[in-house]
Amino acid sequence: QRKGKNNVFIKLKETLNRDILGMGCYAHIIHNSIQCASDCLPIDIESI
């Protein structure tokens, strides 16, 4: 949700006194999406 003030992105914007764009790593996001989805399968294949 990008909430709170105790993170690097918010602190940078406050110090710079202007808006900048926050670009998260989508390689991690895509990877985590398949990990999240595979948790619903009846077998923990990653663990196996």
All heavy atoms as atom14 arrays in JSON, in Angstrom:
{
  "sequence": "QRKGKNNVFIKLKETLNRDILGMGCYAHIIHNSIQCASDCLPIDIESI",
  "atom14_mask": [
    [1, 1, 1, 1, 1, 1, 1, 1, 1, 0, 0, 0, 0, 0],
    [1, 1, 1, 1, 1, 1, 1, 1, 1, 1, 1, 0, 0, 0],
    [1, 1, 1, 1, 1, 1, 1, 1, 1, 0, 0, 0, 0, 0],
    [1, 1, 1, 1, 0, 0, 0, 0, 0, 0, 0, 0, 0, 0],
    [1, 1, 1, 1, 1, 1, 1, 1, 1, 0, 0, 0, 0, 0],
    [1, 1, 1, 1, 1, 1, 1, 1, 0, 0, 0, 0, 0, 0],
    [1, 1, 1, 1, 1, 1, 1, 1, 0, 0, 0, 0, 0, 0],
    [1, 1, 1, 1, 1, 1, 1, 0, 0, 0, 0, 0, 0, 0],
    [1, 1, 1, 1, 1, 1, 1, 1, 1, 1, 1, 0, 0, 0],
    [1, 1, 1, 1, 1, 1, 1, 1, 0, 0, 0, 0, 0, 0],
    [1, 1, 1, 1, 1, 1, 1, 1, 1, 0, 0, 0, 0, 0],
    [1, 1, 1, 1, 1, 1, 1, 1, 0, 0, 0, 0, 0, 0],
    [1, 1, 1, 1, 1, 1, 1, 1, 1, 0, 0, 0, 0, 0],
    [1, 1, 1, 1, 1, 1, 1, 1, 1, 0, 0, 0, 0, 0],
    [1, 1, 1, 1, 1, 1, 1, 0, 0, 0, 0, 0, 0, 0],
    [1, 1, 1, 1, 1, 1, 1, 1, 0, 0, 0, 0, 0, 0],
    [1, 1, 1, 1, 1, 1, 1, 1, 0, 0, 0, 0, 0, 0],
    [1, 1, 1, 1, 1, 1, 1, 1, 1, 1, 1, 0, 0, 0],
    [1, 1, 1, 1, 1, 1, 1, 1, 0, 0, 0, 0, 0, 0],
    [1, 1, 1, 1, 1, 1, 1, 1, 0, 0, 0, 0, 0, 0],
    [1, 1, 1, 1, 1, 1, 1, 1, 0, 0, 0, 0, 0, 0],
    [1, 1, 1, 1, 0, 0, 0, 0, 0, 0, 0, 0, 0, 0],
    [1, 1, 1, 1, 1, 1, 1, 1, 0, 0, 0, 0, 0, 0],
    [1, 1, 1, 1, 0, 0, 0, 0, 0, 0, 0, 0, 0, 0],
    [1, 1, 1, 1, 1, 1, 0, 0, 0, 0, 0, 0, 0, 0],
    [1, 1, 1, 1, 1, 1, 1, 1, 1, 1, 1, 1, 0, 0],
    [1, 1, 1, 1, 1, 0, 0, 0, 0, 0, 0, 0, 0, 0],
    [1, 1, 1, 1, 1, 1, 1, 1, 1, 1, 0, 0, 0, 0],
    [1, 1, 1, 1, 1, 1, 1, 1, 0, 0, 0, 0, 0, 0],
    [1, 1, 1, 1, 1, 1, 1, 1, 0, 0, 0, 0, 0, 0],
    [1, 1, 1, 1, 1, 1, 1, 1, 1, 1, 0, 0, 0, 0],
    [1, 1, 1, 1, 1, 1, 1, 1, 0, 0, 0, 0, 0, 0],
    [1, 1, 1, 1, 1, 1, 0, 0, 0, 0, 0, 0, 0, 0],
    [1, 1, 1, 1, 1, 1, 1, 1, 0, 0, 0, 0, 0, 0],
    [1, 1, 1, 1, 1, 1, 1, 1, 1, 0, 0, 0, 0, 0],
    [1, 1, 1, 1, 1, 1, 0, 0, 0, 0, 0, 0, 0, 0],
    [1, 1, 1, 1, 1, 0, 0, 0, 0, 0, 0, 0, 0, 0],
    [1, 1, 1, 1, 1, 1, 0, 0, 0, 0, 0, 0, 0, 0],
    [1, 1, 1, 1, 1, 1, 1, 1, 0, 0, 0, 0, 0, 0],
    [1, 1, 1, 1, 1, 1, 0, 0, 0, 0, 0, 0, 0, 0],
    [1, 1, 1, 1, 1, 1, 1, 1, 0, 0, 0, 0, 0, 0],
    [1, 1, 1, 1, 1, 1, 1, 0, 0, 0, 0, 0, 0, 0],
    [1, 1, 1, 1, 1, 1, 1, 1, 0, 0, 0, 0, 0, 0],
    [1, 1, 1, 1, 1, 1, 1, 1, 0, 0, 0, 0, 0, 0],
    [1, 1, 1, 1, 1, 1, 1, 1, 0, 0, 0, 0, 0, 0],
    [1, 1, 1, 1, 1, 1, 1, 1, 1, 0, 0, 0, 0, 0],
    [1, 1, 1, 1, 1, 1, 0, 0, 0, 0, 0, 0, 0, 0],
    [1, 1, 1, 1, 1, 1, 1, 1, 0, 0, 0, 0, 0, 0]
  ],
  "atom14_positions": [
    [[0.81, -1.22, 0.0], [0.0, 0.0, 0.0], [0.84, 1.27, 0.0], [0.31, 2.38, -0.1], [-0.94, -0.01, 1.22], [-1.88, -1.19, 1.29], [-2.78, -1.28, 0.08], [-3.2, -0.26, -0.47], [-3.08, -2.5, -0.34], [0.0, 0.0, 0.0], [0.0, 0.0, 0.0], [0.0, 0.0, 0.0], [0.0, 0.0, 0.0], [0.0, 0.0, 0.0]],
    [[2.16, 1.09, 0.2], [3.07, 2.24, 0.26], [2.6, 3.27, 1.28], [2.5, 4.48, 0.99], [3.24, 2.88, -1.12], [3.9, 1.93, -2.12], [4.43, 2.62, -3.35], [5.2, 1.7, -4.17], [5.83, 2.03, -5.29], [5.76, 3.28, -5.71], [6.53, 1.14, -5.96], [0.0, 0.0, 0.0], [0.0, 0.0, 0.0], [0.0, 0.0, 0.0]],
    [[2.3, 2.76, 2.46], [1.85, 3.63, 3.54], [2.98, 3.83, 4.55], [3.98, 3.13, 4.54], [0.62, 3.03, 4.22], [-0.62, 3.0, 3.34], [-1.81, 2.45, 4.12], [-3.07, 2.48, 3.27], [-4.25, 1.95, 3.99], [0.0, 0.0, 0.0], [0.0, 0.0, 0.0], [0.0, 0.0, 0.0], [0.0, 0.0, 0.0], [0.0, 0.0, 0.0]],
    [[2.75, 4.75, 5.45], [3.74, 5.02, 6.48], [4.8, 6.0, 6.0], [4.91, 6.31, 4.81], [0.0, 0.0, 0.0], [0.0, 0.0, 0.0], [0.0, 0.0, 0.0], [0.0, 0.0, 0.0], [0.0, 0.0, 0.0], [0.0, 0.0, 0.0], [0.0, 0.0, 0.0], [0.0, 0.0, 0.0], [0.0, 0.0, 0.0], [0.0, 0.0, 0.0]],
    [[5.59, 6.48, 6.95], [6.62, 7.47, 6.62], [8.02, 6.96, 6.87], [8.99, 7.62, 6.49], [6.38, 8.75, 7.44], [5.09, 9.47, 7.08], [4.97, 10.78, 7.84], [3.7, 11.53, 7.42], [3.57, 12.83, 8.12], [0.0, 0.0, 0.0], [0.0, 0.0, 0.0], [0.0, 0.0, 0.0], [0.0, 0.0, 0.0], [0.0, 0.0, 0.0]],
    [[8.12, 5.78, 7.5], [9.45, 5.28, 7.83], [9.97, 4.33, 6.75], [10.24, 3.16, 6.99], [9.42, 4.57, 9.19], [10.81, 4.26, 9.71], [11.76, 4.96, 9.39], [10.93, 3.21, 10.5], [0.0, 0.0, 0.0], [0.0, 0.0, 0.0], [0.0, 0.0, 0.0], [0.0, 0.0, 0.0], [0.0, 0.0, 0.0], [0.0, 0.0, 0.0]],
    [[10.03, 4.84, 5.52], [10.61, 4.06, 4.43], [11.45, 4.99, 3.56], [11.27, 6.22, 3.57], [9.55, 3.33, 3.62], [8.54, 4.27, 2.98], [8.84, 4.91, 1.98], [7.34, 4.36, 3.56], [0.0, 0.0, 0.0], [0.0, 0.0, 0.0], [0.0, 0.0, 0.0], [0.0, 0.0, 0.0], [0.0, 0.0, 0.0], [0.0, 0.0, 0.0]],
    [[12.35, 4.43, 2.79], [13.31, 5.22, 2.02], [12.61, 6.12, 1.01], [12.97, 7.29, 0.85], [14.3, 4.29, 1.28], [15.28, 5.1, 0.45], [15.04, 3.4, 2.27], [0.0, 0.0, 0.0], [0.0, 0.0, 0.0], [0.0, 0.0, 0.0], [0.0, 0.0, 0.0], [0.0, 0.0, 0.0], [0.0, 0.0, 0.0], [0.0, 0.0, 0.0]],
    [[11.59, 5.6, 0.33], [10.9, 6.35, -0.72], [10.29, 7.65, -0.18], [10.49, 8.73, -0.74], [9.83, 5.46, -1.34], [9.05, 6.1, -2.45], [9.7, 6.68, -3.52], [7.66, 6.08, -2.43], [8.98, 7.26, -4.56], [6.94, 6.66, -3.46], [7.59, 7.24, -4.52], [0.0, 0.0, 0.0], [0.0, 0.0, 0.0], [0.0, 0.0, 0.0]],
    [[9.55, 7.54, 0.91], [8.92, 8.72, 1.51], [9.97, 9.69, 2.03], [9.86, 10.92, 1.85], [7.97, 8.31, 2.65], [6.79, 7.5, 2.09], [7.46, 9.53, 3.4], [5.92, 8.25, 1.11], [0.0, 0.0, 0.0], [0.0, 0.0, 0.0], [0.0, 0.0, 0.0], [0.0, 0.0, 0.0], [0.0, 0.0, 0.0], [0.0, 0.0, 0.0]],
    [[11.01, 9.18, 2.66], [12.07, 10.03, 3.2], [12.78, 10.8, 2.08], [13.15, 11.97, 2.25], [13.06, 9.2, 4.01], [12.5, 8.68, 5.32], [13.54, 7.84, 6.06], [12.98, 7.33, 7.38], [12.75, 8.41, 8.36], [0.0, 0.0, 0.0], [0.0, 0.0, 0.0], [0.0, 0.0, 0.0], [0.0, 0.0, 0.0], [0.0, 0.0, 0.0]],
    [[12.98, 10.14, 0.95], [13.63, 10.83, -0.17], [12.76, 11.97, -0.68], [13.26, 13.08, -0.95], [13.89, 9.83, -1.32], [15.09, 8.91, -1.18], [15.12, 7.91, -2.34], [16.39, 9.7, -1.15], [0.0, 0.0, 0.0], [0.0, 0.0, 0.0], [0.0, 0.0, 0.0], [0.0, 0.0, 0.0], [0.0, 0.0, 0.0], [0.0, 0.0, 0.0]],
    [[11.46, 11.72, -0.81], [10.56, 12.77, -1.29], [10.51, 13.95, -0.33], [10.46, 15.11, -0.76], [9.16, 12.2, -1.52], [9.09, 11.2, -2.66], [7.69, 11.04, -3.22], [6.76, 10.35, -2.25], [5.43, 10.08, -2.87], [0.0, 0.0, 0.0], [0.0, 0.0, 0.0], [0.0, 0.0, 0.0], [0.0, 0.0, 0.0], [0.0, 0.0, 0.0]],
    [[10.54, 13.65, 0.96], [10.52, 14.73, 1.95], [11.81, 15.54, 1.91], [11.78, 16.78, 2.0], [10.31, 14.14, 3.35], [8.91, 13.57, 3.56], [8.75, 12.92, 4.92], [9.78, 12.72, 5.6], [7.6, 12.6, 5.3], [0.0, 0.0, 0.0], [0.0, 0.0, 0.0], [0.0, 0.0, 0.0], [0.0, 0.0, 0.0], [0.0, 0.0, 0.0]],
    [[12.93, 14.86, 1.78], [14.22, 15.56, 1.74], [14.35, 16.39, 0.47], [14.83, 17.53, 0.5], [15.39, 14.56, 1.83], [15.26, 13.8, 3.03], [16.73, 15.29, 1.83], [0.0, 0.0, 0.0], [0.0, 0.0, 0.0], [0.0, 0.0, 0.0], [0.0, 0.0, 0.0], [0.0, 0.0, 0.0], [0.0, 0.0, 0.0], [0.0, 0.0, 0.0]],
    [[13.91, 15.84, -0.65], [14.0, 16.54, -1.94], [12.92, 17.61, -2.07], [13.01, 18.49, -2.93], [13.88, 15.55, -3.09], [15.0, 14.5, -3.2], [14.63, 13.44, -4.24], [16.32, 15.15, -3.57], [0.0, 0.0, 0.0], [0.0, 0.0, 0.0], [0.0, 0.0, 0.0], [0.0, 0.0, 0.0], [0.0, 0.0, 0.0], [0.0, 0.0, 0.0]],
    [[11.89, 17.5, -1.24], [10.77, 18.44, -1.23], [10.03, 18.45, -2.57], [9.63, 19.49, -3.08], [11.26, 19.86, -0.89], [10.1, 20.8, -0.6], [9.04, 20.38, -0.11], [10.28, 22.08, -0.9], [0.0, 0.0, 0.0], [0.0, 0.0, 0.0], [0.0, 0.0, 0.0], [0.0, 0.0, 0.0], [0.0, 0.0, 0.0], [0.0, 0.0, 0.0]],
    [[9.86, 17.28, -3.15], [9.11, 17.16, -4.4], [8.79, 15.69, -4.64], [9.31, 14.8, -3.95], [9.89, 17.73, -5.58], [11.21, 17.04, -5.86], [11.93, 17.74, -7.01], [13.26, 17.23, -7.23], [13.56, 16.16, -7.96], [12.57, 15.47, -8.54], [14.8, 15.76, -8.12], [0.0, 0.0, 0.0], [0.0, 0.0, 0.0], [0.0, 0.0, 0.0]],
    [[7.96, 15.47, -5.64], [7.54, 14.1, -5.95], [8.58, 13.43, -6.84], [9.16, 14.06, -7.73], [6.2, 14.12, -6.66], [5.59, 12.72, -6.78], [5.94, 11.86, -5.94], [4.77, 12.49, -7.69], [0.0, 0.0, 0.0], [0.0, 0.0, 0.0], [0.0, 0.0, 0.0], [0.0, 0.0, 0.0], [0.0, 0.0, 0.0], [0.0, 0.0, 0.0]],
    [[8.84, 12.16, -6.58], [9.61, 11.32, -7.49], [8.84, 10.01, -7.65], [7.96, 9.69, -6.85], [11.05, 11.04, -6.99], [11.02, 10.32, -5.63], [11.86, 12.3, -6.93], [12.41, 9.88, -5.16], [0.0, 0.0, 0.0], [0.0, 0.0, 0.0], [0.0, 0.0, 0.0], [0.0, 0.0, 0.0], [0.0, 0.0, 0.0], [0.0, 0.0, 0.0]],
    [[9.17, 9.24, -8.66], [8.45, 8.0, -8.92], [9.13, 6.85, -8.2], [10.37, 6.77, -8.16], [8.41, 7.71, -10.42], [7.89, 8.84, -11.31], [7.85, 8.39, -12.76], [6.52, 9.31, -10.87], [0.0, 0.0, 0.0], [0.0, 0.0, 0.0], [0.0, 0.0, 0.0], [0.0, 0.0, 0.0], [0.0, 0.0, 0.0], [0.0, 0.0, 0.0]],
    [[8.33, 5.97, -7.63], [8.86, 4.78, -6.96], [8.73, 3.57, -7.85], [7.63, 3.12, -8.15], [0.0, 0.0, 0.0], [0.0, 0.0, 0.0], [0.0, 0.0, 0.0], [0.0, 0.0, 0.0], [0.0, 0.0, 0.0], [0.0, 0.0, 0.0], [0.0, 0.0, 0.0], [0.0, 0.0, 0.0], [0.0, 0.0, 0.0], [0.0, 0.0, 0.0]],
    [[9.86, 3.05, -8.3], [9.85, 1.93, -9.25], [10.29, 0.65, -8.54], [11.49, 0.41, -8.33], [10.78, 2.21, -10.43], [10.62, 3.6, -11.05], [8.93, 4.0, -11.53], [8.64, 2.78, -12.77], [0.0, 0.0, 0.0], [0.0, 0.0, 0.0], [0.0, 0.0, 0.0], [0.0, 0.0, 0.0], [0.0, 0.0, 0.0], [0.0, 0.0, 0.0]],
    [[9.32, -0.16, -8.12], [9.64, -1.43, -7.5], [10.15, -2.42, -8.54], [10.0, -2.21, -9.74], [0.0, 0.0, 0.0], [0.0, 0.0, 0.0], [0.0, 0.0, 0.0], [0.0, 0.0, 0.0], [0.0, 0.0, 0.0], [0.0, 0.0, 0.0], [0.0, 0.0, 0.0], [0.0, 0.0, 0.0], [0.0, 0.0, 0.0], [0.0, 0.0, 0.0]],
    [[10.78, -3.5, -8.07], [11.35, -4.48, -8.99], [10.28, -5.48, -9.43], [9.82, -6.31, -8.63], [12.52, -5.21, -8.34], [13.31, -6.39, -9.44], [0.0, 0.0, 0.0], [0.0, 0.0, 0.0], [0.0, 0.0, 0.0], [0.0, 0.0, 0.0], [0.0, 0.0, 0.0], [0.0, 0.0, 0.0], [0.0, 0.0, 0.0], [0.0, 0.0, 0.0]],
    [[9.89, -5.43, -10.69], [8.83, -6.3, -11.19], [9.29, -7.73, -11.44], [8.48, -8.64, -11.54], [8.21, -5.7, -12.45], [7.07, -4.76, -12.13], [7.32, -3.46, -11.7], [5.76, -5.18, -12.2], [6.29, -2.59, -11.39], [4.71, -4.33, -11.89], [4.98, -3.03, -11.48], [3.95, -2.18, -11.15], [0.0, 0.0, 0.0], [0.0, 0.0, 0.0]],
    [[10.59, -7.94, -11.56], [11.07, -9.32, -11.66], [10.73, -10.07, -10.39], [10.31, -11.24, -10.43], [12.58, -9.33, -11.9], [0.0, 0.0, 0.0], [0.0, 0.0, 0.0], [0.0, 0.0, 0.0], [0.0, 0.0, 0.0], [0.0, 0.0, 0.0], [0.0, 0.0, 0.0], [0.0, 0.0, 0.0], [0.0, 0.0, 0.0], [0.0, 0.0, 0.0]],
    [[10.89, -9.41, -9.25], [10.52, -10.02, -7.97], [9.01, -10.21, -7.88], [8.53, -11.22, -7.37], [10.99, -9.14, -6.8], [12.46, -9.2, -6.54], [13.35, -8.31, -7.07], [13.19, -10.08, -5.8], [14.57, -8.62, -6.67], [14.5, -9.69, -5.91], [0.0, 0.0, 0.0], [0.0, 0.0, 0.0], [0.0, 0.0, 0.0], [0.0, 0.0, 0.0]],
    [[8.25, -9.23, -8.36], [6.79, -9.3, -8.27], [6.26, -10.5, -9.08], [5.42, -11.26, -8.6], [6.16, -7.99, -8.77], [6.46, -6.85, -7.78], [4.65, -8.14, -8.96], [6.03, -5.48, -8.27], [0.0, 0.0, 0.0], [0.0, 0.0, 0.0], [0.0, 0.0, 0.0], [0.0, 0.0, 0.0], [0.0, 0.0, 0.0], [0.0, 0.0, 0.0]],
    [[6.75, -10.66, -10.29], [6.31, -11.79, -11.13], [6.7, -13.11, -10.49], [5.91, -14.06, -10.46], [6.9, -11.67, -12.55], [6.39, -10.39, -13.22], [6.53, -12.88, -13.38], [7.04, -10.1, -14.56], [0.0, 0.0, 0.0], [0.0, 0.0, 0.0], [0.0, 0.0, 0.0], [0.0, 0.0, 0.0], [0.0, 0.0, 0.0], [0.0, 0.0, 0.0]],
    [[7.91, -13.17, -9.98], [8.39, -14.39, -9.3], [7.51, -14.72, -8.1], [7.1, -15.86, -7.9], [9.84, -14.2, -8.86], [10.34, -15.26, -7.95], [10.41, -15.08, -6.57], [10.79, -16.51, -8.17], [10.88, -16.19, -6.01], [11.12, -17.06, -6.96], [0.0, 0.0, 0.0], [0.0, 0.0, 0.0], [0.0, 0.0, 0.0], [0.0, 0.0, 0.0]],
    [[7.21, -13.69, -7.29], [6.41, -13.92, -6.08], [4.97, -14.29, -6.4], [4.3, -14.96, -5.61], [6.44, -12.67, -5.19], [7.81, -12.42, -4.6], [8.65, -13.31, -4.56], [8.04, -11.2, -4.14], [0.0, 0.0, 0.0], [0.0, 0.0, 0.0], [0.0, 0.0, 0.0], [0.0, 0.0, 0.0], [0.0, 0.0, 0.0], [0.0, 0.0, 0.0]],
    [[4.47, -13.86, -7.57], [3.09, -14.18, -7.94], [2.92, -15.69, -8.12], [1.92, -16.27, -7.7], [2.69, -13.44, -9.22], [3.36, -13.97, -10.35], [0.0, 0.0, 0.0], [0.0, 0.0, 0.0], [0.0, 0.0, 0.0], [0.0, 0.0, 0.0], [0.0, 0.0, 0.0], [0.0, 0.0, 0.0], [0.0, 0.0, 0.0], [0.0, 0.0, 0.0]],
    [[3.91, -16.34, -8.74], [3.81, -17.79, -8.95], [4.03, -18.53, -7.64], [3.44, -19.59, -7.4], [4.82, -18.26, -10.03], [4.41, -19.62, -10.6], [6.22, -18.3, -9.51], [3.32, -19.55, -11.61], [0.0, 0.0, 0.0], [0.0, 0.0, 0.0], [0.0, 0.0, 0.0], [0.0, 0.0, 0.0], [0.0, 0.0, 0.0], [0.0, 0.0, 0.0]],
    [[4.87, -17.98, -6.77], [5.05, -18.59, -5.45], [3.77, -18.52, -4.65], [3.36, -19.5, -4.0], [6.17, -17.88, -4.69], [7.58, -18.35, -5.03], [8.61, -17.87, -4.04], [8.5, -16.77, -3.5], [9.61, -18.69, -3.79], [0.0, 0.0, 0.0], [0.0, 0.0, 0.0], [0.0, 0.0, 0.0], [0.0, 0.0, 0.0], [0.0, 0.0, 0.0]],
    [[3.11, -17.36, -4.69], [1.84, -17.18, -3.97], [0.78, -18.13, -4.51], [0.06, -18.77, -3.74], [1.38, -15.72, -4.11], [-0.27, -15.38, -3.47], [0.0, 0.0, 0.0], [0.0, 0.0, 0.0], [0.0, 0.0, 0.0], [0.0, 0.0, 0.0], [0.0, 0.0, 0.0], [0.0, 0.0, 0.0], [0.0, 0.0, 0.0], [0.0, 0.0, 0.0]],
    [[0.69, -18.24, -5.83], [-0.34, -19.1, -6.44], [-0.08, -20.57, -6.15], [-1.02, -21.34, -5.92], [-0.39, -18.84, -7.94], [0.0, 0.0, 0.0], [0.0, 0.0, 0.0], [0.0, 0.0, 0.0], [0.0, 0.0, 0.0], [0.0, 0.0, 0.0], [0.0, 0.0, 0.0], [0.0, 0.0, 0.0], [0.0, 0.0, 0.0], [0.0, 0.0, 0.0]],
    [[1.18, -20.99, -6.16], [1.49, -22.41, -5.96], [1.18, -22.88, -4.54], [1.05, -24.09, -4.3], [2.97, -22.69, -6.28], [3.82, -21.98, -5.4], [0.0, 0.0, 0.0], [0.0, 0.0, 0.0], [0.0, 0.0, 0.0], [0.0, 0.0, 0.0], [0.0, 0.0, 0.0], [0.0, 0.0, 0.0], [0.0, 0.0, 0.0], [0.0, 0.0, 0.0]],
    [[1.03, -21.95, -3.6], [0.69, -22.32, -2.23], [-0.7, -22.93, -2.12], [-1.02, -23.59, -1.12], [0.79, -21.1, -1.3], [2.23, -20.72, -1.02], [3.12, -21.56, -1.21], [2.47, -19.56, -0.59], [0.0, 0.0, 0.0], [0.0, 0.0, 0.0], [0.0, 0.0, 0.0], [0.0, 0.0, 0.0], [0.0, 0.0, 0.0], [0.0, 0.0, 0.0]],
    [[-1.55, -22.71, -3.12], [-2.92, -23.26, -3.08], [-2.98, -24.7, -3.57], [-3.99, -25.38, -3.41], [-3.88, -22.38, -3.88], [-3.8, -22.66, -5.68], [0.0, 0.0, 0.0], [0.0, 0.0, 0.0], [0.0, 0.0, 0.0], [0.0, 0.0, 0.0], [0.0, 0.0, 0.0], [0.0, 0.0, 0.0], [0.0, 0.0, 0.0], [0.0, 0.0, 0.0]],
    [[-1.9, -25.17, -4.2], [-1.91, -26.53, -4.74], [-1.87, -27.56, -3.62], [-1.34, -27.29, -2.54], [-0.71, -26.72, -5.69], [-0.65, -25.77, -6.9], [0.56, -26.1, -7.76], [-1.92, -25.84, -7.72], [0.0, 0.0, 0.0], [0.0, 0.0, 0.0], [0.0, 0.0, 0.0], [0.0, 0.0, 0.0], [0.0, 0.0, 0.0], [0.0, 0.0, 0.0]],
    [[-2.41, -28.74, -3.85], [-2.48, -29.76, -2.79], [-1.11, -30.31, -2.4], [-0.99, -31.0, -1.39], [-3.36, -30.85, -3.4], [-3.27, -30.65, -4.87], [-3.1, -29.18, -5.08], [0.0, 0.0, 0.0], [0.0, 0.0, 0.0], [0.0, 0.0, 0.0], [0.0, 0.0, 0.0], [0.0, 0.0, 0.0], [0.0, 0.0, 0.0], [0.0, 0.0, 0.0]],
    [[-0.08, -30.03, -3.19], [1.27, -30.52, -2.9], [2.22, -29.33, -2.87], [2.19, -28.46, -3.75], [1.75, -31.53, -3.97], [0.83, -32.74, -3.99], [3.19, -31.96, -3.71], [1.11, -33.69, -5.13], [0.0, 0.0, 0.0], [0.0, 0.0, 0.0], [0.0, 0.0, 0.0], [0.0, 0.0, 0.0], [0.0, 0.0, 0.0], [0.0, 0.0, 0.0]],
    [[3.07, -29.27, -1.83], [4.08, -28.22, -1.74], [5.26, -28.61, -2.62], [6.26, -29.16, -2.16], [4.51, -28.04, -0.28], [5.44, -26.86, -0.09], [5.83, -26.23, -1.11], [5.81, -26.55, 1.05], [0.0, 0.0, 0.0], [0.0, 0.0, 0.0], [0.0, 0.0, 0.0], [0.0, 0.0, 0.0], [0.0, 0.0, 0.0], [0.0, 0.0, 0.0]],
    [[5.12, -28.31, -3.89], [6.1, -28.77, -4.87], [7.47, -28.13, -4.65], [8.5, -28.79, -4.79], [5.59, -28.5, -6.3], [4.36, -29.37, -6.56], [6.69, -28.78, -7.34], [3.7, -29.12, -7.9], [0.0, 0.0, 0.0], [0.0, 0.0, 0.0], [0.0, 0.0, 0.0], [0.0, 0.0, 0.0], [0.0, 0.0, 0.0], [0.0, 0.0, 0.0]],
    [[7.48, -26.88, -4.29], [8.76, -26.19, -4.06], [9.55, -26.89, -2.96], [10.76, -27.1, -3.08], [8.51, -24.73, -3.71], [9.78, -23.89, -3.69], [9.48, -22.41, -3.52], [8.34, -22.06, -3.12], [10.39, -21.6, -3.77], [0.0, 0.0, 0.0], [0.0, 0.0, 0.0], [0.0, 0.0, 0.0], [0.0, 0.0, 0.0], [0.0, 0.0, 0.0]],
    [[8.87, -27.26, -1.89], [9.52, -27.96, -0.78], [10.02, -29.34, -1.22], [11.13, -29.76, -0.84], [8.54, -28.11, 0.39], [9.12, -28.86, 1.43], [0.0, 0.0, 0.0], [0.0, 0.0, 0.0], [0.0, 0.0, 0.0], [0.0, 0.0, 0.0], [0.0, 0.0, 0.0], [0.0, 0.0, 0.0], [0.0, 0.0, 0.0], [0.0, 0.0, 0.0]],
    [[9.22, -30.03, -2.02], [9.6, -31.37, -2.51], [10.85, -31.27, -3.39], [11.77, -32.1, -3.29], [8.44, -32.0, -3.3], [7.26, -32.33, -2.36], [8.89, -33.25, -4.03], [7.57, -33.37, -1.31], [0.0, 0.0, 0.0], [0.0, 0.0, 0.0], [0.0, 0.0, 0.0], [0.0, 0.0, 0.0], [0.0, 0.0, 0.0], [0.0, 0.0, 0.0]]
  ]
}
